[in-house]
C-alpha cells in the first residue's frame, strides 16, 4: 500500500461514524431520511402547525419513496423549526441551533436574519437553508417538499434549544 492510500484510509477511519450516517450535505441534515423533492411530484400536501412546543399533527404516515409537500405555519409565540431527520441528525443539529441562540441570531420570537452569515467555524455559517428544514418566526409560513427514502428511523422536530427536550417532535411512520 502506498503512502497516499494509507493516509486516505487513516483519515476515513478517524472520522466519526455519524459523519457517514448523517448524509451527503456535509451538515448532516436530512439526507439519510430522503432528499429534496419537487412540488410537481408531491402525492399530497400536509399542513403542519407549530405551537409552543408541539406540532399538529403529531404523527405523519408516509410511503417509502413518497414525495410530500409540507405547508408549515408557526402559530406559536416563539421561533420554531420543522426539520425532517433521524434522531442522531437532530442531536447534532441542536448543537448548531444552540450556537444560533448564544450568538443572538434567535431571540425568543425573533430571528436576526442579518446575523445568519456569521461564521460558526469550520466553514459553516448560521444560515438555516437546508432543504429538509424551515425556521419560522411567529405567524410565518413556508413549505418543505421532501421525498422520503426507504424505511428508517425518521422524525420531524424543532431543534431550537429546549424545544425537542420539551416534546416538540413527531413521528414519521412508514406504511
C-alpha atoms as a PDB file:
ATOM      1  CA  UNK A   1       0.000   0.000   0.000  1.00  0.00           C
ATOM      2  CA  UNK A   2       1.438   3.366  -0.951  1.00  0.00           C
ATOM      3  CA  UNK A   3       1.585   6.297   1.466  1.00  0.00           C
ATOM      4  CA  UNK A   4      -1.289   8.275  -0.104  1.00  0.00           C
ATOM      5  CA  UNK A   5      -3.718   5.339   0.142  1.00  0.00           C
ATOM      6  CA  UNK A   6      -2.636   4.786   3.737  1.00  0.00           C
ATOM      7  CA  UNK A   7      -3.298   8.454   4.581  1.00  0.00           C
ATOM      8  CA  UNK A   8      -6.754   8.355   2.998  1.00  0.00           C
ATOM      9  CA  UNK A   9      -7.680   5.183   4.869  1.00  0.00           C
ATOM     10  CA  UNK A  10      -6.311   6.602   8.120  1.00  0.00           C
ATOM     11  CA  UNK A  11      -8.280   9.811   7.641  1.00  0.00           C
ATOM     12  CA  UNK A  12     -11.523   7.960   6.879  1.00  0.00           C
ATOM     13  CA  UNK A  13     -11.097   5.644   9.844  1.00  0.00           C
ATOM     14  CA  UNK A  14     -10.578   8.589  12.170  1.00  0.00           C
ATOM     15  CA  UNK A  15     -13.891  10.207  11.176  1.00  0.00           C
ATOM     16  CA  UNK A  16     -16.819   9.590  13.487  1.00  0.00           C
ATOM     17  CA  UNK A  17     -19.445   7.149  12.243  1.00  0.00           C
ATOM     18  CA  UNK A  18     -22.019   9.943  12.422  1.00  0.00           C
ATOM     19  CA  UNK A  19     -20.245  11.648   9.527  1.00  0.00           C
ATOM     20  CA  UNK A  20     -21.283   8.827   7.241  1.00  0.00           C
ATOM     21  CA  UNK A  21     -24.719   8.301   8.724  1.00  0.00           C
ATOM     22  CA  UNK A  22     -25.505  11.992   8.578  1.00  0.00           C
ATOM     23  CA  UNK A  23     -25.804  12.292   4.840  1.00  0.00           C
ATOM     24  CA  UNK A  24     -24.221  13.886   1.865  1.00  0.00           C
ATOM     25  CA  UNK A  25     -24.820  17.547   2.525  1.00  0.00           C
ATOM     26  CA  UNK A  26     -21.903  17.944   4.933  1.00  0.00           C
ATOM     27  CA  UNK A  27     -24.002  19.283   7.783  1.00  0.00           C
ATOM     28  CA  UNK A  28     -25.747  16.015   8.478  1.00  0.00           C
ATOM     29  CA  UNK A  29     -29.201  17.439   7.920  1.00  0.00           C
ATOM     30  CA  UNK A  30     -31.808  15.279   6.331  1.00  0.00           C
ATOM     31  CA  UNK A  31     -30.118  13.295   3.620  1.00  0.00           C
ATOM     32  CA  UNK A  32     -30.287   9.927   5.413  1.00  0.00           C
ATOM     33  CA  UNK A  33     -34.054  10.431   5.649  1.00  0.00           C
ATOM     34  CA  UNK A  34     -34.572  11.245   1.986  1.00  0.00           C
ATOM     35  CA  UNK A  35     -33.901  14.075  -0.426  1.00  0.00           C
ATOM     36  CA  UNK A  36     -35.419  17.348  -1.594  1.00  0.00           C
ATOM     37  CA  UNK A  37     -38.483  16.726  -3.714  1.00  0.00           C
ATOM     38  CA  UNK A  38     -40.247  18.619  -6.477  1.00  0.00           C
ATOM     39  CA  UNK A  39     -43.632  20.141  -5.669  1.00  0.00           C
ATOM     40  CA  UNK A  40     -44.955  18.936  -9.023  1.00  0.00           C
ATOM     41  CA  UNK A  41     -44.244  15.334  -7.935  1.00  0.00           C
ATOM     42  CA  UNK A  42     -45.860  15.573  -4.499  1.00  0.00           C
ATOM     43  CA  UNK A  43     -48.537  12.945  -3.927  1.00  0.00           C
ATOM     44  CA  UNK A  44     -50.203  15.136  -1.308  1.00  0.00           C
ATOM     45  CA  UNK A  45     -49.925  18.224   0.875  1.00  0.00           C
ATOM     46  CA  UNK A  46     -49.777  18.022   4.659  1.00  0.00           C
ATOM     47  CA  UNK A  47     -50.426  21.166   6.692  1.00  0.00           C
ATOM     48  CA  UNK A  48     -48.258  21.293   9.811  1.00  0.00           C
ATOM     49  CA  UNK A  49     -48.984  23.820  12.553  1.00  0.00           C
ATOM     50  CA  UNK A  50     -46.271  24.608  15.088  1.00  0.00           C
ATOM     51  CA  UNK A  51     -47.364  25.767  18.516  1.00  0.00           C
ATOM     52  CA  UNK A  52     -45.200  26.485  21.534  1.00  0.00           C
ATOM     53  CA  UNK A  53     -43.534  23.113  21.892  1.00  0.00           C
ATOM     54  CA  UNK A  54     -45.872  20.828  19.950  1.00  0.00           C
ATOM     55  CA  UNK A  55     -46.976  20.121  16.392  1.00  0.00           C
ATOM     56  CA  UNK A  56     -50.342  19.404  14.806  1.00  0.00           C
ATOM     57  CA  UNK A  57     -50.330  16.700  13.561  1.00  0.00           C
ATOM     58  CA  UNK A  58     -48.013  14.889  15.962  1.00  0.00           C
ATOM     59  CA  UNK A  59     -47.588  11.868  13.665  1.00  0.00           C
ATOM     60  CA  UNK A  60     -47.341  11.510   9.895  1.00  0.00           C
ATOM     61  CA  UNK A  61     -47.596   8.333   7.803  1.00  0.00           C
ATOM     62  CA  UNK A  62     -45.651   8.128   4.518  1.00  0.00           C
ATOM     63  CA  UNK A  63     -44.803   5.527   1.897  1.00  0.00           C
ATOM     64  CA  UNK A  64     -41.133   4.778   1.136  1.00  0.00           C
ATOM     65  CA  UNK A  65     -40.207   6.907  -1.889  1.00  0.00           C
ATOM     66  CA  UNK A  66     -43.221   9.201  -1.466  1.00  0.00           C
ATOM     67  CA  UNK A  67     -42.853  12.928  -2.147  1.00  0.00           C
ATOM     68  CA  UNK A  68     -44.818  15.107   0.279  1.00  0.00           C
ATOM     69  CA  UNK A  69     -45.370  18.864   0.259  1.00  0.00           C
ATOM     70  CA  UNK A  70     -45.450  20.186   3.824  1.00  0.00           C
ATOM     71  CA  UNK A  71     -47.001  23.611   4.407  1.00  0.00           C
ATOM     72  CA  UNK A  72     -45.623  24.640   7.784  1.00  0.00           C
ATOM     73  CA  UNK A  73     -47.046  27.534   9.823  1.00  0.00           C
ATOM     74  CA  UNK A  74     -45.751  28.842  13.144  1.00  0.00           C
ATOM     75  CA  UNK A  75     -48.800  29.561  15.311  1.00  0.00           C
ATOM     76  CA  UNK A  76     -46.751  29.884  18.494  1.00  0.00           C
ATOM     77  CA  UNK A  77     -45.188  32.902  20.171  1.00  0.00           C
ATOM     78  CA  UNK A  78     -41.587  31.716  19.759  1.00  0.00           C
ATOM     79  CA  UNK A  79     -39.297  30.876  16.840  1.00  0.00           C
ATOM     80  CA  UNK A  80     -39.799  27.238  15.848  1.00  0.00           C
ATOM     81  CA  UNK A  81     -38.293  24.818  13.380  1.00  0.00           C
ATOM     82  CA  UNK A  82     -39.706  21.994  11.274  1.00  0.00           C
ATOM     83  CA  UNK A  83     -36.812  19.663  10.480  1.00  0.00           C
ATOM     84  CA  UNK A  84     -37.033  16.181   8.939  1.00  0.00           C
ATOM     85  CA  UNK A  85     -34.260  13.814  10.009  1.00  0.00           C
ATOM     86  CA  UNK A  86     -33.121  10.964  12.185  1.00  0.00           C
ATOM     87  CA  UNK A  87     -32.778  11.341  15.967  1.00  0.00           C
ATOM     88  CA  UNK A  88     -28.988  11.430  15.516  1.00  0.00           C
ATOM     89  CA  UNK A  89     -29.255  14.249  12.988  1.00  0.00           C
ATOM     90  CA  UNK A  90     -31.444  16.227  15.349  1.00  0.00           C
ATOM     91  CA  UNK A  91     -28.957  15.723  18.165  1.00  0.00           C
ATOM     92  CA  UNK A  92     -26.140  17.129  16.008  1.00  0.00           C
ATOM     93  CA  UNK A  93     -28.290  19.996  14.717  1.00  0.00           C
ATOM     94  CA  UNK A  94     -29.309  21.020  18.235  1.00  0.00           C
ATOM     95  CA  UNK A  95     -25.688  21.967  18.909  1.00  0.00           C
ATOM     96  CA  UNK A  96     -25.753  24.324  15.901  1.00  0.00           C
ATOM     97  CA  UNK A  97     -29.080  25.791  16.954  1.00  0.00           C
ATOM     98  CA  UNK A  98     -27.683  26.393  20.439  1.00  0.00           C
ATOM     99  CA  UNK A  99     -24.904  28.453  18.831  1.00  0.00           C
ATOM    100  CA  UNK A 100     -27.538  30.494  16.987  1.00  0.00           C
ATOM    101  CA  UNK A 101     -29.175  31.368  20.321  1.00  0.00           C
ATOM    102  CA  UNK A 102     -25.842  32.006  22.071  1.00  0.00           C
ATOM    103  CA  UNK A 103     -24.814  34.421  19.289  1.00  0.00           C
ATOM    104  CA  UNK A 104     -28.168  36.241  19.317  1.00  0.00           C
ATOM    105  CA  UNK A 105     -29.371  35.046  15.914  1.00  0.00           C
ATOM    106  CA  UNK A 106     -32.506  33.631  17.560  1.00  0.00           C
ATOM    107  CA  UNK A 107     -34.054  35.603  20.404  1.00  0.00           C
ATOM    108  CA  UNK A 108     -37.431  34.393  21.653  1.00  0.00           C
ATOM    109  CA  UNK A 109     -39.872  35.144  18.853  1.00  0.00           C
ATOM    110  CA  UNK A 110     -37.369  36.814  16.515  1.00  0.00           C
ATOM    111  CA  UNK A 111     -34.732  35.693  14.018  1.00  0.00           C
ATOM    112  CA  UNK A 112     -31.969  38.193  13.245  1.00  0.00           C
ATOM    113  CA  UNK A 113     -31.527  37.246   9.582  1.00  0.00           C
ATOM    114  CA  UNK A 114     -28.743  39.812   9.152  1.00  0.00           C
ATOM    115  CA  UNK A 115     -26.597  37.761  11.559  1.00  0.00           C
ATOM    116  CA  UNK A 116     -27.045  34.416   9.790  1.00  0.00           C
ATOM    117  CA  UNK A 117     -23.877  34.864   7.728  1.00  0.00           C
ATOM    118  CA  UNK A 118     -21.862  34.752  10.956  1.00  0.00           C
ATOM    119  CA  UNK A 119     -19.016  32.228  10.899  1.00  0.00           C
ATOM    120  CA  UNK A 120     -19.590  29.229  13.164  1.00  0.00           C
ATOM    121  CA  UNK A 121     -16.153  27.816  12.351  1.00  0.00           C
ATOM    122  CA  UNK A 122     -15.149  25.002  10.023  1.00  0.00           C
ATOM    123  CA  UNK A 123     -16.537  26.965   7.069  1.00  0.00           C
ATOM    124  CA  UNK A 124     -20.127  26.846   8.322  1.00  0.00           C
ATOM    125  CA  UNK A 125     -22.380  29.850   8.694  1.00  0.00           C
ATOM    126  CA  UNK A 126     -25.539  30.202  10.746  1.00  0.00           C
ATOM    127  CA  UNK A 127     -27.685  30.208   7.627  1.00  0.00           C
ATOM    128  CA  UNK A 128     -30.629  27.938   8.012  1.00  0.00           C
ATOM    129  CA  UNK A 129     -31.010  26.848   4.412  1.00  0.00           C
ATOM    130  CA  UNK A 130     -31.083  23.054   4.413  1.00  0.00           C
ATOM    131  CA  UNK A 131     -33.876  21.698   2.180  1.00  0.00           C
ATOM    132  CA  UNK A 132     -35.324  19.437   4.902  1.00  0.00           C
ATOM    133  CA  UNK A 133     -35.975  22.300   7.313  1.00  0.00           C
ATOM    134  CA  UNK A 134     -37.639  25.661   7.867  1.00  0.00           C
ATOM    135  CA  UNK A 135     -37.054  28.064  10.754  1.00  0.00           C
ATOM    136  CA  UNK A 136     -40.003  30.402  11.300  1.00  0.00           C
ATOM    137  CA  UNK A 137     -40.896  33.404  13.394  1.00  0.00           C
ATOM    138  CA  UNK A 138     -44.424  33.567  14.849  1.00  0.00           C
ATOM    139  CA  UNK A 139     -47.025  33.957  12.105  1.00  0.00           C
ATOM    140  CA  UNK A 140     -44.701  32.863   9.277  1.00  0.00           C
ATOM    141  CA  UNK A 141     -45.390  30.018   6.889  1.00  0.00           C
ATOM    142  CA  UNK A 142     -43.124  28.149   4.439  1.00  0.00           C
ATOM    143  CA  UNK A 143     -43.023  24.897   2.517  1.00  0.00           C
ATOM    144  CA  UNK A 144     -40.773  21.851   2.599  1.00  0.00           C
ATOM    145  CA  UNK A 145     -41.042  19.338  -0.231  1.00  0.00           C
ATOM    146  CA  UNK A 146     -39.413  16.048   0.674  1.00  0.00           C
ATOM    147  CA  UNK A 147     -39.016  12.643  -0.959  1.00  0.00           C
ATOM    148  CA  UNK A 148     -38.661  10.007   1.735  1.00  0.00           C
ATOM    149  CA  UNK A 149     -36.084   7.251   1.392  1.00  0.00           C
ATOM    150  CA  UNK A 150     -36.624   3.656   2.346  1.00  0.00           C
ATOM    151  CA  UNK A 151     -37.994   2.897   5.772  1.00  0.00           C
ATOM    152  CA  UNK A 152     -35.918   4.236   8.625  1.00  0.00           C
ATOM    153  CA  UNK A 153     -36.000   5.945  11.993  1.00  0.00           C
ATOM    154  CA  UNK A 154     -37.214   9.376  10.860  1.00  0.00           C
ATOM    155  CA  UNK A 155     -38.953  12.141  12.754  1.00  0.00           C
ATOM    156  CA  UNK A 156     -39.726  15.836  12.436  1.00  0.00           C
ATOM    157  CA  UNK A 157     -38.511  18.109  15.196  1.00  0.00           C
ATOM    158  CA  UNK A 158     -37.829  21.592  16.460  1.00  0.00           C
ATOM    159  CA  UNK A 159     -34.167  21.890  17.418  1.00  0.00           C
ATOM    160  CA  UNK A 160     -34.343  25.352  18.986  1.00  0.00           C
ATOM    161  CA  UNK A 161     -32.693  24.804  22.403  1.00  0.00           C
ATOM    162  CA  UNK A 162     -35.053  23.131  24.853  1.00  0.00           C
ATOM    163  CA  UNK A 163     -37.908  22.598  22.395  1.00  0.00           C
ATOM    164  CA  UNK A 164     -37.077  18.999  21.409  1.00  0.00           C
ATOM    165  CA  UNK A 165     -36.494  18.163  25.069  1.00  0.00           C
ATOM    166  CA  UNK A 166     -39.913  19.641  25.899  1.00  0.00           C
ATOM    167  CA  UNK A 167     -41.512  17.214  23.435  1.00  0.00           C
ATOM    168  CA  UNK A 168     -41.551  19.210  20.209  1.00  0.00           C
ATOM    169  CA  UNK A 169     -41.008  16.330  17.808  1.00  0.00           C
ATOM    170  CA  UNK A 170     -43.250  13.992  15.887  1.00  0.00           C
ATOM    171  CA  UNK A 171     -43.071  10.545  14.390  1.00  0.00           C
ATOM    172  CA  UNK A 172     -42.853   9.754  10.714  1.00  0.00           C
ATOM    173  CA  UNK A 173     -44.179   6.250  10.195  1.00  0.00           C
ATOM    174  CA  UNK A 174     -43.562   4.285   7.027  1.00  0.00           C
ATOM    175  CA  UNK A 175     -46.550   2.313   5.732  1.00  0.00           C
END
